[in-house]
Structures are given as C-alpha cells and as structure tokens.
Protein backbone atom coordinates (compact mmCIF):
# COMPACT_ATOMS: atom_id res chain seq x y z
CA MET A 1 -9.85 -30.53 23.82
CA GLY A 2 -13.32 -30.26 25.09
CA ARG A 3 -12.92 -26.76 26.24
CA TRP A 4 -12.35 -25.78 22.78
CA LYS A 5 -15.17 -27.04 21.19
CA PRO A 6 -17.42 -23.81 20.86
CA LEU A 7 -14.33 -22.25 19.56
CA VAL A 8 -14.01 -24.65 16.64
CA VAL A 9 -17.56 -24.13 15.66
CA LEU A 10 -17.09 -20.04 16.31
CA GLY A 11 -13.89 -19.63 14.28
CA THR A 12 -15.39 -21.53 11.35
CA ALA A 13 -18.09 -19.31 11.29
CA GLN A 14 -16.03 -16.11 11.69
CA PHE A 15 -14.08 -17.33 8.63
CA LEU A 16 -16.86 -18.07 7.22
CA MET A 17 -18.09 -14.69 7.08
CA VAL A 18 -15.10 -13.09 5.23
CA LEU A 19 -14.34 -15.55 3.18
CA ASP A 20 -16.41 -14.94 0.02
CA ALA A 21 -16.17 -11.15 0.05
CA SER A 22 -12.21 -11.72 -0.71
CA VAL A 23 -13.46 -14.55 -3.33
CA MET A 24 -15.47 -11.78 -4.99
CA ASN A 25 -12.88 -9.52 -5.47
CA VAL A 26 -10.72 -12.26 -7.80
CA SER A 27 -13.70 -13.41 -9.44
CA ILE A 28 -15.01 -9.82 -10.99
CA SER A 29 -13.58 -10.57 -14.60
CA GLN A 30 -15.33 -14.12 -14.49
CA LEU A 31 -18.88 -12.54 -13.19
CA VAL A 32 -18.72 -9.91 -16.03
CA GLU A 33 -18.20 -12.70 -18.46
CA ASP A 34 -20.69 -15.22 -16.91
CA PHE A 35 -23.12 -12.57 -16.28
CA ASP A 36 -22.31 -10.58 -19.63
CA THR A 37 -22.33 -7.02 -17.73
CA GLU A 38 -19.65 -4.70 -16.89
CA VAL A 39 -17.34 -4.44 -13.93
CA THR A 40 -18.95 -1.49 -12.49
CA ALA A 41 -22.10 -3.48 -11.99
CA ILE A 42 -20.00 -6.47 -10.26
CA GLN A 43 -18.34 -3.55 -7.84
CA ALA A 44 -22.16 -2.39 -7.22
CA VAL A 45 -22.93 -6.05 -6.09
CA ILE A 46 -20.16 -5.86 -3.88
CA THR A 47 -20.33 -2.66 -2.24
CA LEU A 48 -24.72 -3.68 -1.69
CA TYR A 49 -23.23 -6.49 0.58
CA THR A 50 -20.85 -4.24 2.59
CA LEU A 51 -23.74 -1.68 3.34
CA VAL A 52 -26.15 -4.22 4.17
CA MET A 53 -23.89 -5.36 7.10
CA ALA A 54 -23.17 -1.94 8.22
CA ALA A 55 -26.53 -0.92 8.07
CA PHE A 56 -27.90 -3.81 10.20
CA MET A 57 -24.91 -4.76 12.69
CA LEU A 58 -26.39 -2.73 15.53
CA THR A 59 -29.75 -4.22 14.96
CA GLY A 60 -28.51 -7.80 14.83
CA GLY A 61 -26.68 -6.97 18.25
CA LYS A 62 -29.97 -6.04 19.52
CA LEU A 63 -32.01 -8.99 18.49
CA GLY A 64 -29.18 -11.16 20.04
CA ASP A 65 -29.90 -9.68 23.66
CA MET A 66 -33.59 -9.90 23.07
CA PHE A 67 -34.22 -13.56 21.93
CA GLY A 68 -30.66 -14.92 22.99
CA ARG A 69 -27.36 -14.90 20.97
CA ARG A 70 -27.33 -18.92 20.24
CA ARG A 71 -30.33 -18.75 19.14
CA VAL A 72 -29.99 -15.43 16.69
CA PHE A 73 -26.71 -17.17 15.71
CA VAL A 74 -28.36 -20.04 14.09
CA VAL A 75 -31.14 -18.22 12.74
CA GLY A 76 -28.29 -15.78 11.24
CA LEU A 77 -26.65 -18.93 9.65
CA MET A 78 -29.65 -20.51 8.35
CA ILE A 79 -30.44 -17.07 6.02
CA TYR A 80 -26.42 -17.03 5.64
CA ALA A 81 -26.93 -20.25 3.63
CA VAL A 82 -29.99 -19.73 1.67
CA GLY A 83 -28.35 -16.73 0.34
CA SER A 84 -25.10 -18.64 -0.56
CA GLY A 85 -27.03 -21.74 -2.01
CA LEU A 86 -29.44 -18.61 -4.52
CA THR A 87 -25.76 -17.06 -5.17
CA ALA A 88 -24.41 -20.52 -6.09
CA VAL A 89 -26.82 -21.08 -8.90
CA ALA A 90 -27.52 -17.65 -9.56
CA PRO A 91 -28.69 -17.44 -13.33
CA THR A 92 -28.96 -13.42 -13.76
CA LEU A 93 -27.03 -10.77 -11.89
CA TRP A 94 -30.04 -9.33 -9.92
CA VAL A 95 -30.32 -12.90 -8.34
CA LEU A 96 -26.76 -12.48 -7.29
CA ALA A 97 -27.43 -9.22 -5.59
CA LEU A 98 -30.20 -10.64 -3.93
CA GLY A 99 -28.63 -14.03 -2.73
CA TRP A 100 -25.03 -12.36 -1.84
CA SER A 101 -25.37 -8.72 -1.45
CA VAL A 102 -28.66 -8.76 0.68
CA ILE A 103 -29.78 -11.76 2.11
CA GLU A 104 -26.11 -13.20 2.73
CA GLY A 105 -25.37 -9.24 4.25
CA LEU A 106 -28.63 -9.86 6.82
CA GLY A 107 -27.14 -13.03 7.35
CA ALA A 108 -23.81 -11.91 8.46
CA ALA A 109 -25.67 -9.23 10.54
CA LEU A 110 -27.23 -11.89 12.89
CA VAL A 111 -24.35 -13.89 13.19
CA LEU A 112 -21.77 -11.49 13.83
CA PRO A 113 -22.52 -9.84 16.76
CA ALA A 114 -23.79 -12.65 18.30
CA LEU A 115 -20.54 -14.23 17.80
CA ALA A 116 -18.58 -12.00 19.23
CA ALA A 117 -20.71 -12.12 22.37
CA LEU A 118 -20.91 -15.96 22.17
CA VAL A 119 -17.13 -16.41 22.85
CA ALA A 120 -17.08 -13.97 25.47
CA GLY A 121 -19.77 -16.22 27.56
CA SER A 122 -17.86 -19.43 26.34
CA TYR A 123 -14.62 -18.34 27.49
CA THR A 124 -13.06 -16.29 30.51
CA GLY A 125 -9.68 -14.88 31.78
CA ARG A 126 -6.81 -15.86 29.21
CA GLU A 127 -8.97 -18.25 27.57
CA ARG A 128 -10.98 -15.84 26.66
CA ALA A 129 -8.04 -13.91 25.07
CA VAL A 130 -6.80 -17.09 23.39
CA ALA A 131 -10.35 -17.65 21.78
CA TYR A 132 -10.58 -13.60 20.65
CA GLY A 133 -7.06 -14.12 18.84
CA VAL A 134 -8.14 -17.16 16.98
CA VAL A 135 -11.41 -15.53 15.75
CA GLY A 136 -9.63 -12.55 14.94
CA GLY A 137 -6.45 -14.61 13.23
CA LEU A 138 -9.24 -16.76 11.16
CA ALA A 139 -10.71 -13.50 9.75
CA GLY A 140 -7.40 -12.18 8.48
CA ALA A 141 -6.77 -15.97 7.13
CA GLY A 142 -10.01 -15.68 5.14
CA ILE A 143 -9.21 -12.58 3.78
CA ALA A 144 -5.99 -13.48 2.80
CA VAL A 145 -6.78 -17.39 2.01
CA GLY A 146 -10.01 -16.12 -0.29
CA PRO A 147 -7.88 -15.17 -2.74
CA LEU A 148 -6.10 -18.33 -3.18
CA LEU A 149 -8.90 -20.52 -2.80
CA GLY A 150 -11.28 -18.05 -5.16
CA GLY A 151 -8.46 -18.04 -7.91
CA TRP A 152 -7.94 -21.33 -8.14
CA LEU A 153 -11.67 -22.20 -8.21
CA THR A 154 -12.12 -19.16 -10.65
CA THR A 155 -9.39 -19.99 -12.72
CA TYR A 156 -10.00 -24.14 -13.13
CA LEU A 157 -13.38 -24.80 -12.04
CA THR A 158 -16.13 -21.89 -11.33
CA TRP A 159 -16.49 -19.52 -8.52
CA ARG A 160 -20.00 -21.28 -7.69
CA LEU A 161 -18.29 -23.84 -5.86
CA VAL A 162 -17.31 -21.46 -3.11
CA PHE A 163 -21.26 -20.93 -2.12
CA ALA A 164 -22.09 -24.06 -2.54
CA GLY A 165 -19.20 -25.49 -0.57
CA GLU A 166 -20.50 -22.59 2.21
CA VAL A 167 -23.90 -24.11 2.31
CA VAL A 168 -22.28 -27.53 3.10
CA LEU A 169 -19.89 -25.60 5.63
CA VAL A 170 -23.09 -23.74 7.63
CA VAL A 171 -24.58 -27.50 7.88
CA ALA A 172 -21.63 -28.83 9.35
CA ILE A 173 -21.55 -25.80 11.65
CA LEU A 174 -25.34 -26.04 12.37
CA LEU A 175 -25.04 -29.76 13.64
CA LEU A 176 -22.03 -29.18 16.12
CA MET A 177 -24.07 -26.39 17.78
CA ARG A 178 -24.19 -28.94 20.66
CA TRP A 179 -20.81 -27.74 22.05
CA ILE A 180 -22.07 -23.95 22.57
CA PRO A 181 -22.97 -24.13 25.90
CA PRO A 182 -26.65 -23.22 26.92
CA GLU A 183 -27.16 -19.73 27.40
CA ARG A 184 -29.75 -18.50 30.21
CA PRO A 185 -32.97 -17.46 28.65
CA PRO A 186 -33.17 -13.36 28.72
CA GLU A 187 -34.85 -12.24 31.81
CA ARG A 188 -37.29 -9.83 29.97
CA ARG A 189 -37.98 -9.08 25.88
CA ALA A 190 -37.98 -5.27 25.02
CA ARG A 191 -39.60 -4.60 22.01
CA LEU A 192 -37.08 -3.50 19.26
CA ASP A 193 -36.66 -0.17 18.55
CA THR A 194 -37.88 0.43 15.23
CA ALA A 195 -37.24 3.74 14.67
CA GLY A 196 -33.81 3.50 16.17
CA ALA A 197 -32.92 0.63 13.90
CA ALA A 198 -34.49 2.70 10.65
CA LEU A 199 -32.27 5.63 11.42
CA SER A 200 -29.01 3.94 12.29
CA ALA A 201 -28.93 1.79 9.21
CA ALA A 202 -29.85 4.50 6.87
CA GLY A 203 -27.24 7.02 8.28
CA LEU A 204 -24.50 4.25 8.05
CA ALA A 205 -25.77 2.77 4.98
CA LEU A 206 -25.42 6.58 2.99
CA MET A 207 -22.00 7.20 4.95
CA VAL A 208 -20.73 3.73 3.80
CA LEU A 209 -22.25 4.17 0.15
CA ALA A 210 -20.52 7.68 -0.45
CA VAL A 211 -17.14 6.60 0.99
CA LEU A 212 -17.25 3.54 -1.23
CA GLN A 213 -18.59 5.66 -4.12
CA SER A 214 -15.92 8.29 -4.02
CA GLY A 215 -13.76 6.91 -6.27
CA THR A 216 -16.50 6.81 -9.13
CA TRP A 217 -18.27 10.34 -7.65
CA GLY A 218 -15.01 12.40 -6.90
CA TRP A 219 -14.66 13.92 -3.34
CA VAL A 220 -15.10 17.10 -4.21
CA LYS A 221 -14.11 17.65 -7.64
CA PRO A 222 -17.15 15.74 -9.86
CA ARG A 223 -15.52 12.94 -11.71
CA ASN A 224 -18.67 10.27 -12.85
CA PRO A 225 -21.57 10.90 -10.28
CA PRO A 226 -25.26 10.58 -10.95
CA PHE A 227 -25.78 13.97 -9.84
CA THR A 228 -23.96 17.17 -8.48
CA VAL A 229 -24.73 19.43 -5.92
CA ILE A 230 -24.18 23.12 -6.86
CA GLY A 231 -21.11 21.82 -8.95
CA PHE A 232 -19.88 19.49 -6.61
CA SER A 233 -19.70 16.19 -6.31
CA PRO A 234 -22.23 14.22 -3.98
CA THR A 235 -20.00 12.51 -1.55
CA LEU A 236 -19.11 14.95 1.29
CA PHE A 237 -22.86 16.12 0.53
CA VAL A 238 -23.83 12.40 1.30
CA VAL A 239 -21.40 11.42 4.50
CA ALA A 240 -22.95 14.86 5.89
CA PHE A 241 -26.67 13.50 5.56
CA GLY A 242 -25.64 10.34 6.77
CA ALA A 243 -24.02 11.97 10.07
CA ALA A 244 -27.18 13.94 10.42
CA LEU A 245 -29.28 11.25 10.28
CA LEU A 246 -26.58 9.66 12.97
CA TYR A 247 -27.08 12.81 15.21
CA VAL A 248 -30.93 12.29 14.91
CA PHE A 249 -30.52 8.84 15.88
CA CYS A 250 -28.34 9.85 19.00
CA ARG A 251 -30.87 12.13 20.26
CA HIS A 252 -33.98 9.46 19.16
CA GLU A 253 -31.96 7.01 21.38
CA ARG A 254 -31.27 9.86 24.44
CA ARG A 255 -35.35 10.32 24.53
CA ARG A 256 -36.13 6.78 24.91
CA GLU A 257 -33.81 6.01 27.43
CA ALA A 258 -35.11 8.88 29.25
CA ARG A 259 -38.79 7.80 28.99
CA GLY A 260 -37.19 4.53 30.58
CA LEU A 261 -37.30 2.78 26.94
CA GLU A 262 -35.00 0.13 25.48
CA PRO A 263 -32.69 2.02 23.13
CA LEU A 264 -30.87 0.02 20.30
CA VAL A 265 -27.72 0.84 21.53
CA SER A 266 -27.61 2.57 25.00
CA LEU A 267 -24.89 5.47 24.07
CA ASP A 268 -23.65 5.40 27.70
CA LEU A 269 -21.49 2.76 26.30
CA PHE A 270 -19.09 5.23 24.42
CA GLY A 271 -18.38 6.77 27.99
CA ASN A 272 -16.55 3.73 28.20
CA SER A 273 -12.80 4.63 27.40
CA THR A 274 -11.24 1.47 26.85
CA LEU A 275 -14.27 0.06 24.90
CA ARG A 276 -14.30 3.21 22.61
CA SER A 277 -10.05 2.98 22.22
CA GLY A 278 -11.07 -0.33 21.45
CA LEU A 279 -13.53 0.37 18.55
CA GLU A 280 -11.15 3.27 17.18
CA THR A 281 -8.33 0.93 17.21
CA LEU A 282 -10.12 -1.78 15.54
CA PHE A 283 -11.52 0.67 12.77
CA ASN A 284 -7.97 1.86 12.34
CA GLN A 285 -6.77 -1.87 11.97
CA ASN A 286 -9.11 -2.96 9.30
CA THR A 287 -8.86 0.66 7.27
CA ILE A 288 -5.00 -0.25 7.06
CA LEU A 289 -5.97 -4.17 6.32
CA LEU A 290 -8.39 -3.48 3.42
CA GLY A 291 -6.63 -0.40 1.97
CA LEU A 292 -3.48 -2.70 1.78
CA PHE A 293 -5.10 -5.84 0.42
CA PHE A 294 -6.96 -3.27 -2.11
CA VAL A 295 -3.58 -2.15 -3.50
CA ILE A 296 -1.40 -4.99 -3.17
CA PRO A 297 -3.51 -7.60 -5.26
CA LEU A 298 -3.41 -4.42 -7.94
CA TYR A 299 0.43 -4.54 -7.75
CA LEU A 300 0.62 -8.44 -8.41
CA GLN A 301 -2.40 -8.81 -11.21
CA VAL A 302 -2.30 -5.36 -12.98
CA VAL A 303 1.31 -4.41 -13.15
CA GLN A 304 3.29 -7.87 -12.58
CA GLY A 305 0.41 -9.83 -14.74
CA LEU A 306 -0.27 -12.33 -11.82
CA ASP A 307 -3.50 -14.76 -12.45
CA ALA A 308 -5.81 -14.96 -9.48
CA PHE A 309 -3.96 -18.40 -8.40
CA GLU A 310 -0.42 -16.82 -8.02
CA THR A 311 -1.76 -13.83 -6.82
CA GLY A 312 -3.49 -15.89 -3.85
CA LEU A 313 0.30 -17.77 -3.21
CA LYS A 314 1.68 -14.00 -2.82
CA LEU A 315 -0.58 -13.48 -0.04
CA VAL A 316 0.21 -16.69 2.29
CA PRO A 317 3.03 -15.64 4.22
CA VAL A 318 0.22 -12.94 5.75
CA SER A 319 -2.28 -15.59 6.28
CA VAL A 320 0.66 -17.61 8.17
CA THR A 321 2.13 -15.50 10.64
CA MET A 322 -1.40 -13.53 10.80
CA LEU A 323 -2.77 -16.31 12.67
CA ALA A 324 0.33 -17.57 14.69
CA ALA A 325 0.66 -14.27 15.81
CA SER A 326 -3.46 -14.20 16.65
CA MET A 327 -3.07 -17.60 18.42
CA SER A 328 -0.33 -16.16 20.31
CA GLY A 329 -2.28 -13.31 22.47
CA THR A 330 -2.25 -15.13 25.39
CA LEU A 331 1.33 -15.85 25.80
CA LEU A 332 1.99 -12.65 24.85
CA LEU A 333 -0.27 -11.13 27.85
CA ARG A 334 1.93 -13.12 30.57
CA ILE A 335 5.23 -10.60 29.58
CA ALA A 336 3.00 -7.16 28.30
CA SER A 337 0.05 -5.35 28.67
CA PRO A 338 -2.84 -5.34 26.11
CA ARG A 339 -1.85 -1.70 25.46
CA THR A 340 1.84 -2.77 24.83
CA ILE A 341 0.75 -5.33 22.74
CA VAL A 342 -0.97 -3.64 20.33
CA ARG A 343 1.10 -0.65 20.06
CA THR A 344 4.42 -3.22 19.17
CA GLY A 345 1.74 -4.63 16.51
CA LEU A 346 1.43 -0.98 15.23
CA LEU A 347 5.48 -0.38 15.48
CA VAL A 348 5.90 -3.62 13.36
CA LEU A 349 2.85 -2.79 10.96
CA LEU A 350 4.72 0.63 10.70
CA ALA A 351 7.56 -1.30 9.55
CA ALA A 352 6.01 -3.75 7.23
CA THR A 353 3.98 -0.71 5.42
CA LEU A 354 7.70 0.86 5.01
CA TRP A 355 9.48 -1.99 4.02
CA LEU A 356 6.65 -3.20 1.24
CA ILE A 357 7.32 0.51 -0.39
CA THR A 358 10.77 -0.37 -0.93
CA ALA A 359 9.73 -3.96 -2.17
CA ILE A 360 7.33 -2.46 -5.16
CA GLU A 361 9.76 -2.54 -8.06
CA PRO A 362 8.91 -2.95 -11.74
CA GLU A 363 10.36 -6.20 -11.09
CA LEU A 364 8.51 -8.41 -8.55
CA ARG A 365 11.46 -9.18 -6.13
CA GLY A 366 10.16 -12.62 -4.37
CA ALA A 367 11.79 -12.72 -1.21
CA SER A 368 11.69 -9.00 -0.33
CA PHE A 369 8.13 -8.85 -1.18
CA ALA A 370 7.44 -12.14 0.80
CA GLY A 371 8.84 -10.75 3.99
CA ALA A 372 7.01 -7.70 3.82
CA MET A 373 4.06 -10.04 3.32
CA ALA A 374 5.25 -11.72 6.62
CA LEU A 375 6.06 -9.23 8.57
CA LEU A 376 2.37 -7.29 7.97
CA GLY A 377 0.83 -10.38 8.96
CA LEU A 378 2.76 -10.57 12.23
CA GLY A 379 1.67 -7.12 13.01
CA LEU A 380 -1.87 -7.34 12.20
CA GLY A 381 -2.12 -10.47 14.12
CA MET A 382 -0.77 -9.01 17.51
CA LEU A 383 -3.65 -6.28 16.92
CA ALA A 384 -6.25 -9.21 16.33
CA SER A 385 -5.11 -10.91 19.46
CA GLN A 386 -5.99 -8.15 21.77
CA LEU A 387 -8.84 -5.90 20.34
CA GLY A 388 -11.44 -8.12 20.08
CA ASN A 389 -10.87 -9.69 24.15
CA THR A 390 -10.47 -5.80 24.85
CA VAL A 391 -13.95 -4.98 23.42
CA GLN A 392 -15.83 -7.70 25.33
CA SER A 393 -13.81 -7.57 28.28
CA SER A 394 -14.73 -3.75 28.77
CA VAL A 395 -18.37 -4.37 28.92
CA GLY A 396 -20.92 -6.56 31.32
CA ALA A 397 -22.16 -10.08 30.02
CA GLU A 398 -25.53 -8.12 29.67
CA ASP A 399 -23.95 -5.38 27.11
CA ARG A 400 -22.42 -8.09 25.16
CA SER A 401 -24.66 -8.47 21.97
CA GLU A 402 -24.35 -4.60 21.87
CA ALA A 403 -20.74 -4.16 22.37
CA GLY A 404 -20.64 -7.05 19.15
CA GLY A 405 -22.78 -4.76 17.35
CA LEU A 406 -20.57 -1.90 17.66
CA GLN A 407 -17.42 -4.24 17.12
CA TYR A 408 -18.42 -5.24 13.87
CA THR A 409 -20.17 -2.04 12.52
CA ALA A 410 -16.48 -0.26 13.39
CA GLN A 411 -14.93 -3.20 11.53
CA ASN A 412 -17.27 -2.48 8.39
CA LEU A 413 -16.61 1.20 8.12
CA GLY A 414 -13.27 0.93 8.63
CA SER A 415 -13.32 -1.59 5.56
CA SER A 416 -15.14 0.60 3.55
CA LEU A 417 -12.99 3.30 4.48
CA GLY A 418 -9.94 1.26 3.67
CA THR A 419 -11.14 0.64 -0.18
CA ALA A 420 -12.50 3.83 -0.80
CA LEU A 421 -9.68 6.31 0.55
CA ILE A 422 -6.44 4.07 -0.25
CA GLY A 423 -7.93 3.55 -3.90
CA ALA A 424 -8.78 7.33 -4.56
CA ILE A 425 -5.79 8.13 -3.07
CA LEU A 426 -3.86 5.87 -5.81
CA ILE A 427 -5.91 6.88 -8.43
CA GLY A 428 -5.17 10.77 -7.70
CA ALA A 429 -1.22 9.80 -7.32
CA LEU A 430 -1.46 7.78 -10.64
CA ALA A 431 -3.10 10.92 -12.57
CA GLY A 432 -0.60 13.58 -10.94
CA ALA A 433 2.05 11.53 -11.52
CA VAL A 434 1.41 10.51 -15.00
CA GLY A 435 0.63 13.91 -16.42
CA SER A 436 3.60 15.27 -14.79
CA LYS A 437 5.93 12.88 -16.21
CA ILE A 438 4.38 13.44 -19.53
CA GLU A 439 4.86 17.16 -19.61
CA ASN A 440 8.06 16.70 -18.47
CA ASP A 441 9.37 14.33 -20.96
CA PRO A 442 11.64 15.59 -23.54
CA ARG A 443 10.49 12.49 -26.10
CA ILE A 444 6.79 13.88 -26.11
CA SER A 445 5.64 16.65 -28.31
CA ASP A 446 3.82 19.73 -26.59
CA ALA A 447 0.87 18.57 -28.80
CA VAL A 448 0.83 15.26 -27.66
CA ALA A 449 1.15 16.18 -24.41
CA GLY A 450 -1.94 18.63 -24.24
CA GLN A 451 -4.12 15.66 -25.66
CA ALA A 452 -3.01 13.35 -23.02
CA ALA A 453 -3.39 16.60 -20.53
CA VAL A 454 -7.24 16.24 -21.80
CA GLN A 455 -7.53 12.50 -21.38
CA LEU A 456 -6.17 12.77 -17.81
CA GLU A 457 -8.80 15.37 -17.02
CA ALA A 458 -11.72 12.89 -18.00
CA GLY A 459 -10.08 10.39 -15.82
CA VAL A 460 -7.96 7.79 -15.44
CA SER A 461 -7.59 4.17 -14.44
CA PHE A 462 -5.35 1.86 -13.02
CA VAL A 463 -5.09 -0.97 -15.89
CA PRO A 464 -2.39 -3.31 -17.53
CA ALA A 465 0.62 -0.87 -19.33
CA ASP A 466 -0.42 -3.39 -22.32
CA ASP A 467 -4.08 -1.70 -22.63
CA VAL A 468 -2.44 1.68 -22.46
CA ALA A 469 -0.29 0.59 -25.66
CA ALA A 470 -3.05 -1.07 -27.26
CA ALA A 471 -5.51 2.35 -27.02
CA LEU A 472 -2.47 4.46 -27.88
CA ALA A 473 -2.11 2.05 -31.48
CA GLU A 474 -5.74 3.36 -32.19
CA HIS A 475 -4.39 6.75 -32.36
CA PRO A 476 -2.58 7.39 -35.75
CA GLU A 477 -1.77 10.86 -34.61
CA VAL A 478 -0.06 9.62 -31.98
CA PRO A 479 3.76 8.68 -33.14
CA PRO A 480 4.76 4.98 -32.22
CA ASP A 481 8.07 6.33 -30.18
CA GLU A 482 6.02 9.14 -28.64
CA ALA A 483 3.37 6.69 -27.61
CA ALA A 484 6.10 4.37 -26.28
CA ALA A 485 7.57 7.09 -24.20
CA ILE A 486 3.78 7.83 -22.59
CA VAL A 487 3.26 4.00 -21.86
CA ASP A 488 6.81 3.83 -20.36
CA ASN A 489 5.70 7.08 -18.02
CA TYR A 490 2.54 4.96 -17.23
CA ARG A 491 4.39 2.17 -15.81
CA GLN A 492 6.58 4.39 -14.00
CA ALA A 493 3.55 6.08 -12.57
CA GLN A 494 1.66 3.33 -11.46
CA LEU A 495 4.51 2.55 -9.13
CA ASP A 496 4.43 6.05 -7.69
CA GLY A 497 0.54 5.47 -7.22
CA LEU A 498 0.89 2.16 -5.38
CA LYS A 499 3.94 3.60 -3.14
CA ALA A 500 1.28 6.63 -2.35
CA ALA A 501 -1.70 4.42 -1.38
CA VAL A 502 0.95 2.31 0.87
CA LEU A 503 2.59 5.19 2.52
CA ALA A 504 -1.10 6.24 3.08
CA CYS A 505 -1.71 3.44 5.33
CA ALA A 506 1.97 3.97 6.98
CA GLY A 507 0.25 7.15 8.10
CA ILE A 508 -2.95 5.65 9.34
CA THR A 509 -0.88 3.41 11.21
CA ALA A 510 1.47 5.80 12.57
CA ALA A 511 -1.76 7.60 13.75
CA SER A 512 -3.48 4.70 15.08
CA PHE A 513 -1.32 5.37 17.93
CA LEU A 514 -2.90 7.91 19.50
CA PHE A 515 -6.11 6.26 19.88
CA THR A 516 -4.29 3.59 21.88
CA ARG A 517 -3.90 5.50 25.11
CA HIS A 518 -7.34 3.79 26.90
CA LEU A 519 -6.30 0.30 26.15
CA PRO A 520 -5.53 -1.89 29.08
CA GLY A 521 -1.90 -1.14 30.40
CA ARG A 522 -1.41 -3.91 32.90
CA LYS A 523 -1.21 -7.32 32.34
CA PRO A 524 -3.77 -9.45 33.46
CA THR A 525 -4.74 -11.13 36.39
CA PRO A 526 -4.74 -14.96 36.96
CA ASP A 527 -8.72 -14.55 35.71
CA GLY A 528 -7.78 -12.51 32.64
CA ARG A 529 -9.22 -9.34 33.61
CA THR A 530 -6.79 -6.12 34.04
CA ASP A 531 -7.33 -3.60 37.13
CA GLU A 532 -9.27 -1.31 34.41
CA GLU A 533 -11.61 -4.00 33.36
CA PRO A 534 -14.87 -4.59 35.11
CA ALA A 535 -15.69 -8.04 36.74
CA THR A 536 -18.19 -9.28 35.14
CA ASP A 537 -20.82 -12.29 35.54
CA GLU A 538 -19.88 -14.98 33.21
CA SER A 539 -23.31 -16.98 33.13
C-alpha cells in the first residue's frame, strides 16, 4: 500500500479539480435564484473559469520547472482553497466570479501541470501506467459524480456546501503531502518569459472565448453578438485573432531559444510524434466527453423532466465503468500496445454513441440507456488509461512540467470546443427540424407557419415543451389545435437535434483514429517503456 500513497494524494487532487465545474452545471437555476440574476450571467461565470485555466496552463507548467513541481502543487492548492472558501460564502455574483472563476482557475492552472509531472516522478514502468489510468478515471468520475453530488446538495441543502467541502479536502491533501516523494531542487532557475506568457494567455483565451460564445454569437451569421464585423458574427474573427497571437507567440519563443534564453515552452516538443499524437487524441477525447455531457443532461432534464439528482443517478454507469477501465490500463498493456488499446477504446466509444442515438426516444428506456452509458464509460476509460502515461512517458524528466501544461491545455481546449461545437450543432439541428416539421404539417395553417418561421429566424432555445405550450397560450391568434401541433413538432425536433448532436460526437470519434498513428505500437518492456519511448531519468 505504501507505494500507492502518492497516488491517493494526486488522485484526490485530480478529482477535486473537475468536481465543482460539473456541480456548477447542474446548479445553474439555483444560482440564478440565489443571486437574482439571469442564466447568461451564470454561464459567463462558468465560461470565465475555463478561460482562466486554458490561458494560464502553460505558465503554470513553466513555474513548476522553475520552483519545483511539489512546491507549485502546494501553492496552487492553497490558492484553490482560498477561491473555494470565497465561493462558498459569496454574497454577490461578482464575488462568485472572483472566487470560482478567477482564483480557483489560477489555482488549477498551477496544480494540474505539476500533478501530471508528480505522477510521472512518483512511479515508473507499469506502475506509472496504473497511476495515470487511475488519475484519468478519477477525472471522468468527477465529471460524472459532480451532477449526482451537486444535484443532491442543491436540491436538499445548498450548493455552497460543495465548495466548503473542497476547502476541507484541500486541507486533508496538504496534511498528506509528506506522502509525495521529495524532488531534487532545480539546478538553475530561469526567468519567466513574461512576454510569452502574456501572448499565449491572450491567444488561448481569445480562441476559447470565441468557441464558448459561438452558441450565442453564431459562427457566421450573427445571432446575438455584442458587435459584428462587416455584417458577420465576430466568432471566426476572434478565433483568427487568437490564432494570430499564438503565431506571434511561436515566433517569439523561437527567437528566445535562438538567443539562448529559456522559453515558456520548447516548441521542439511538438517534433515528438508520440507526444503530438497523445495531445491530439486527448483533445479529441475531451471534445467528445464534454460534448456528450452537454447533450445527455439536456435529454434527461429538459425532455424527460428529471431533476438534478435523478440526472446524476442516470450517469452513475459512466462513472463506474470509466473508473474500472481506467484502472485496468496496466492489465491491458500485458496483451496489447497503447495504440491498440486506444483504438479499441475508440471503437467501443463509437459503438456507445451509436447505441445512445437509438436510446434517445420520447420515453426513457432505462435498460437501453444504462447500457449505452456503461459502454460509453468503458470506451472513455480505455482512452484515459493510456493517454496521460503516453504523454508523460514520451518526454524526459526535465520536460514533464511543460508536457503537463500542454496536456491540460489540450484537454481544456477540447472541453471548450466540445461544449460549444456540439451545443451549436444541437441548436442548429433543432431549429432546422422544427421549421421543416411545422412547414410540412397539414394541421398548421400557412399564416401560423409563417409566424413560427419569423420566430425561428430570431433564434430558438432548447427548453421544455411545456414552456413552448405556455408561450403559445399567450398568443390567442394561434388556434389551440395548431398550438398543440406546434408543441408536438417541437418535441419531435428536440429528439432530432439530440440525435444529430450525438451523431456529431460519433463522427469526431471516428475521425480520432487518424490521430493515433504515432501512439506507441508495441507492448511495454518490463520497465514499462516501449521501444518508441525514451529512457528517462526518473529522479
């Protein structure tokens, strides 16, 4: 048991880092009520959290190299605890944003890259594969358990207890930090590349912001943006500007290296095909994961009318099988290479998404839905069991913090894109389906269909069908039988939109096979390395 003590600490920290984000997603309506605000304001707070993490993850990784990963891990946890405590007692919305989005986000940006490097430094060979499998499984478990825990606390007590509990959990982790082996102090302490940090933070923040806001702004045609660019939505322009800043960042880093100065991140790392393939697959994994976890709660809560706690219960099979599959990574490596395991996981994930499409029906079919969820967790767990270890094992000990920063940057970008892209596909498919159904329904007159088309042009939301019925009841010019037909069409269009969104996740899963070519293709040797991985100094 003694050799797994560091994993207890690091795995608990990983679970903590993803827990409250999923709690927030099921507590939106209660937060709106508590702070007397609108849904869009709470969504902005959630968006800001992702922005802060994505923007400062590379900087957090470099600080781990400069001051020691263990020390930065502790400092990051302390900052995270301060943010959690402030969030738990937040009297106003801006204090909530400061505590959760900003302070917790900065703490997480320090903790996560250091965590990835500490796992690699605490274990070698097959034990490292086990450790990364557990960490990956706990991340997925946090995403799945968050709605259950948050739903129960929000429904029966208060969401604030989650954040108060996080402070207690951080204190417990800090008391057990002696279980983490001490590090050799850095041989030299380079100066932080502040210009590079600013450029990378600004570029990543703009790209993430644009993707997250695409559902509100629209991708090309303006929906409800704060401004337009020559008549178009600003989304793609903001993405392009962010990409331009990242290009300037890359040129800046090359110039620093040419002058013998320490870069924020060594761009030579991207020449490592194994690392690059691992990062690309991690990005895709999180795009699929967060896309599905955006769609599935909508089906359960909006279409089926389940509350937050009941929704969490329906997600338990994902958590159980994902954790089990993640922890089985080292057993799988005895019979197959990381590349084969990842590709098999993608096949399982593809089968799960296709099964889920058949399970999305007007009436919830419990057994079929639970089976699809269990298979989904199995596929995601197989990916999680290999990718973290692949990324860290592909670099030497001196590059692990940078690789950790890149790893969690890829994951956050994937999470942002998954939520925004799949959400945009869902709303677009919903609007197209309901418009087509109303137009072709003989029960609805041309006049009423024309009015509906005008409303759809202004935008459509994924809301309970009863809300649509209530809104139509306020328009006496719409005959009751035609209003009932519109509501019926809206219900059917919701299912069409959900299926289209899940099908998009299936498409991303299928495309992910293209990025697995350079994953290690041979089973590890007894020390846990493949012939394609470097022998590294584990000290």
